[in-house]
C-alpha atoms as a PDB file:
ATOM      1  CA  MET A   1     228.118  84.633  87.910  1.00  0.00           C
ATOM      2  CA  LEU A   2     227.220  88.124  86.956  1.00  0.00           C
ATOM      3  CA  SER A   3     224.714  89.711  88.123  1.00  0.00           C
ATOM      4  CA  GLU A   4     221.708  91.170  85.070  1.00  0.00           C
ATOM      5  CA  VAL A   5     222.542  94.241  86.653  1.00  0.00           C
ATOM      6  CA  GLU A   6     226.373  94.067  86.745  1.00  0.00           C
ATOM      7  CA  ARG A   7     225.711  91.938  83.042  1.00  0.00           C
ATOM      8  CA  PHE A   8     224.177  95.955  82.281  1.00  0.00           C
ATOM      9  CA  GLN A   9     227.208  97.941  83.480  1.00  0.00           C
ATOM     10  CA  GLN A  10     229.510  95.921  81.273  1.00  0.00           C
ATOM     11  CA  ASP A  11     227.549  95.695  78.785  1.00  0.00           C
ATOM     12  CA  LEU A  12     227.734  99.652  78.759  1.00  0.00           C
ATOM     13  CA  LEU A  13     231.150 100.655  79.349  1.00  0.00           C
ATOM     14  CA  GLU A  14     231.966  97.985  76.060  1.00  0.00           C
ATOM     15  CA  SER A  15     229.758 100.935  74.011  1.00  0.00           C
ATOM     16  CA  ALA A  16     231.332 103.533  75.914  1.00  0.00           C
ATOM     17  CA  LYS A  17     234.646 101.838  74.738  1.00  0.00           C
ATOM     18  CA  GLN A  18     233.213 101.002  71.248  1.00  0.00           C
ATOM     19  CA  MET A  19     231.860 104.909  70.775  1.00  0.00           C
ATOM     20  CA  TYR A  20     235.077 106.660  72.069  1.00  0.00           C
ATOM     21  CA  ILE A  21     237.092 104.586  69.324  1.00  0.00           C
ATOM     22  CA  ASN A  22     235.249 104.800  66.562  1.00  0.00           C
ATOM     23  CA  GLN A  23     235.129 108.999  66.969  1.00  0.00           C
ATOM     24  CA  ARG A  24     237.891 109.482  64.272  1.00  0.00           C
ATOM     25  CA  GLY A  25     238.841 112.470  62.384  1.00  0.00           C
ATOM     26  CA  SER A  26     241.773 113.143  60.212  1.00  0.00           C
ATOM     27  CA  VAL A  27     243.653 114.799  57.969  1.00  0.00           C
ATOM     28  CA  PHE A  28     245.816 113.726  55.257  1.00  0.00           C
ATOM     29  CA  LEU A  29     248.873 115.475  53.298  1.00  0.00           C
ATOM     30  CA  SER A  30     251.159 114.771  50.481  1.00  0.00           C
ATOM     31  CA  ASN A  31     254.699 116.362  50.998  1.00  0.00           C
ATOM     32  CA  ALA A  32     254.963 117.733  47.014  1.00  0.00           C
ATOM     33  CA  SER A  33     257.862 119.298  47.538  1.00  0.00           C
ATOM     34  CA  SER A  34     261.609 117.624  46.711  1.00  0.00           C
ATOM     35  CA  SER A  35     262.854 117.606  49.793  1.00  0.00           C
ATOM     36  CA  THR A  36     262.333 115.913  53.164  1.00  0.00           C
ATOM     37  CA  ARG A  37     259.601 118.059  55.682  1.00  0.00           C
ATOM     38  CA  ARG A  38     259.573 117.688  59.148  1.00  0.00           C
ATOM     39  CA  VAL A  39     255.689 117.030  60.243  1.00  0.00           C
ATOM     40  CA  VAL A  40     254.984 118.091  64.075  1.00  0.00           C
ATOM     41  CA  ILE A  41     251.440 116.781  65.802  1.00  0.00           C
ATOM     42  CA  GLU A  42     250.725 119.105  68.786  1.00  0.00           C
ATOM     43  CA  PRO A  43     250.064 119.503  71.721  1.00  0.00           C
ATOM     44  CA  TRP A  44     252.754 116.501  72.100  1.00  0.00           C
ATOM     45  CA  ALA A  45     255.045 117.986  70.234  1.00  0.00           C
ATOM     46  CA  VAL A  46     256.102 114.739  68.189  1.00  0.00           C
ATOM     47  CA  GLU A  47     257.724 114.969  65.240  1.00  0.00           C
ATOM     48  CA  PHE A  48     258.168 112.918  62.336  1.00  0.00           C
ATOM     49  CA  GLU A  49     260.036 112.834  59.304  1.00  0.00           C
ATOM     50  CA  LEU A  50     257.935 113.105  56.150  1.00  0.00           C
ATOM     51  CA  PRO A  51     260.250 112.447  52.550  1.00  0.00           C
ATOM     52  CA  SER A  52     259.914 114.109  49.304  1.00  0.00           C
ATOM     53  CA  LYS A  53     256.643 112.451  47.806  1.00  0.00           C
ATOM     54  CA  SER A  54     255.606 110.505  50.434  1.00  0.00           C
ATOM     55  CA  TYR A  55     252.074 110.932  52.265  1.00  0.00           C
ATOM     56  CA  CYS A  56     250.814 111.055  55.573  1.00  0.00           C
ATOM     57  CA  GLU A  57     247.534 111.190  57.797  1.00  0.00           C
ATOM     58  CA  VAL A  58     247.462 112.155  60.764  1.00  0.00           C
ATOM     59  CA  VAL A  59     244.114 111.073  62.929  1.00  0.00           C
ATOM     60  CA  SER A  60     242.102 112.297  66.024  1.00  0.00           C
ATOM     61  CA  VAL A  61     240.735 109.062  67.813  1.00  0.00           C
ATOM     62  CA  GLY A  62     238.513 109.820  70.555  1.00  0.00           C
ATOM     63  CA  GLY A  63     238.037 113.171  72.980  1.00  0.00           C
ATOM     64  CA  SER A  64     235.783 115.811  72.128  1.00  0.00           C
ATOM     65  CA  LEU A  65     232.895 116.767  69.224  1.00  0.00           C
ATOM     66  CA  PRO A  66     233.600 117.126  66.326  1.00  0.00           C
ATOM     67  CA  PRO A  67     236.791 116.325  65.645  1.00  0.00           C
ATOM     68  CA  ASP A  68     239.262 119.552  64.948  1.00  0.00           C
ATOM     69  CA  ILE A  69     242.563 119.192  63.759  1.00  0.00           C
ATOM     70  CA  GLU A  70     244.481 122.383  62.052  1.00  0.00           C
ATOM     71  CA  VAL A  71     247.144 122.539  60.120  1.00  0.00           C
ATOM     72  CA  GLU A  72     249.949 124.812  59.285  1.00  0.00           C
ATOM     73  CA  ASP A  73     252.815 125.144  56.544  1.00  0.00           C
ATOM     74  CA  ASP A  74     255.793 126.895  56.814  1.00  0.00           C
ATOM     75  CA  GLU A  75     259.640 126.464  55.551  1.00  0.00           C
ATOM     76  CA  TYR A  76     260.272 123.892  58.093  1.00  0.00           C
ATOM     77  CA  GLY A  77     257.367 121.556  57.791  1.00  0.00           C
ATOM     78  CA  PHE A  78     253.783 121.156  58.317  1.00  0.00           C
ATOM     79  CA  MET A  79     252.437 121.585  62.306  1.00  0.00           C
ATOM     80  CA  PHE A  80     249.166 119.327  62.981  1.00  0.00           C
ATOM     81  CA  TRP A  81     247.042 120.612  65.789  1.00  0.00           C
ATOM     82  CA  ILE A  82     244.425 118.165  67.305  1.00  0.00           C
ATOM     83  CA  ASN A  83     241.884 120.002  69.548  1.00  0.00           C
ATOM     84  CA  ASN A  84     240.290 117.740  71.325  1.00  0.00           C
ATOM     85  CA  MET A  85     240.332 117.474  74.765  1.00  0.00           C
ATOM     86  CA  GLY A  86     240.886 113.762  75.596  1.00  0.00           C
ATOM     87  CA  ALA A  87     241.773 112.335  71.837  1.00  0.00           C
ATOM     88  CA  ILE A  88     245.466 110.422  71.239  1.00  0.00           C
ATOM     89  CA  TYR A  89     246.531 110.509  68.062  1.00  0.00           C
ATOM     90  CA  GLU A  90     247.780 108.196  65.133  1.00  0.00           C
ATOM     91  CA  TYR A  91     250.535 108.881  62.955  1.00  0.00           C
ATOM     92  CA  TRP A  92     250.710 107.040  58.773  1.00  0.00           C
ATOM     93  CA  GLN A  93     253.014 107.553  56.874  1.00  0.00           C
ATOM     94  CA  ASP A  94     252.666 106.329  53.189  1.00  0.00           C
ATOM     95  CA  GLY A  95     249.788 103.541  54.425  1.00  0.00           C
ATOM     96  CA  GLU A  96     251.962 102.379  57.833  1.00  0.00           C
ATOM     97  CA  LEU A  97     250.626 103.089  60.769  1.00  0.00           C
ATOM     98  CA  ILE A  98     254.500 104.700  62.583  1.00  0.00           C
ATOM     99  CA  ASP A  99     253.254 106.099  65.920  1.00  0.00           C
END
């Protein structure tokens, strides 16, 4: 059986986890070009292919606030920089969680 202090510590930890998970920011992008474009998520250097007429959403989860995502567009594709210490990412494509 947990003491009152242990219950308080458990509740506090659970609350902190929920706050971390709820710290989210995202960028939604549509590929209006006639060709597939690559999507790179930094600082992880993870690459995806975004087909023509498809859309994606890159989400910063957790980390420092406020969420900070920069997007660069060049002839090769789109580069998303998630600039939040401690954040992880989610990559959604056409409404489906990919990674």
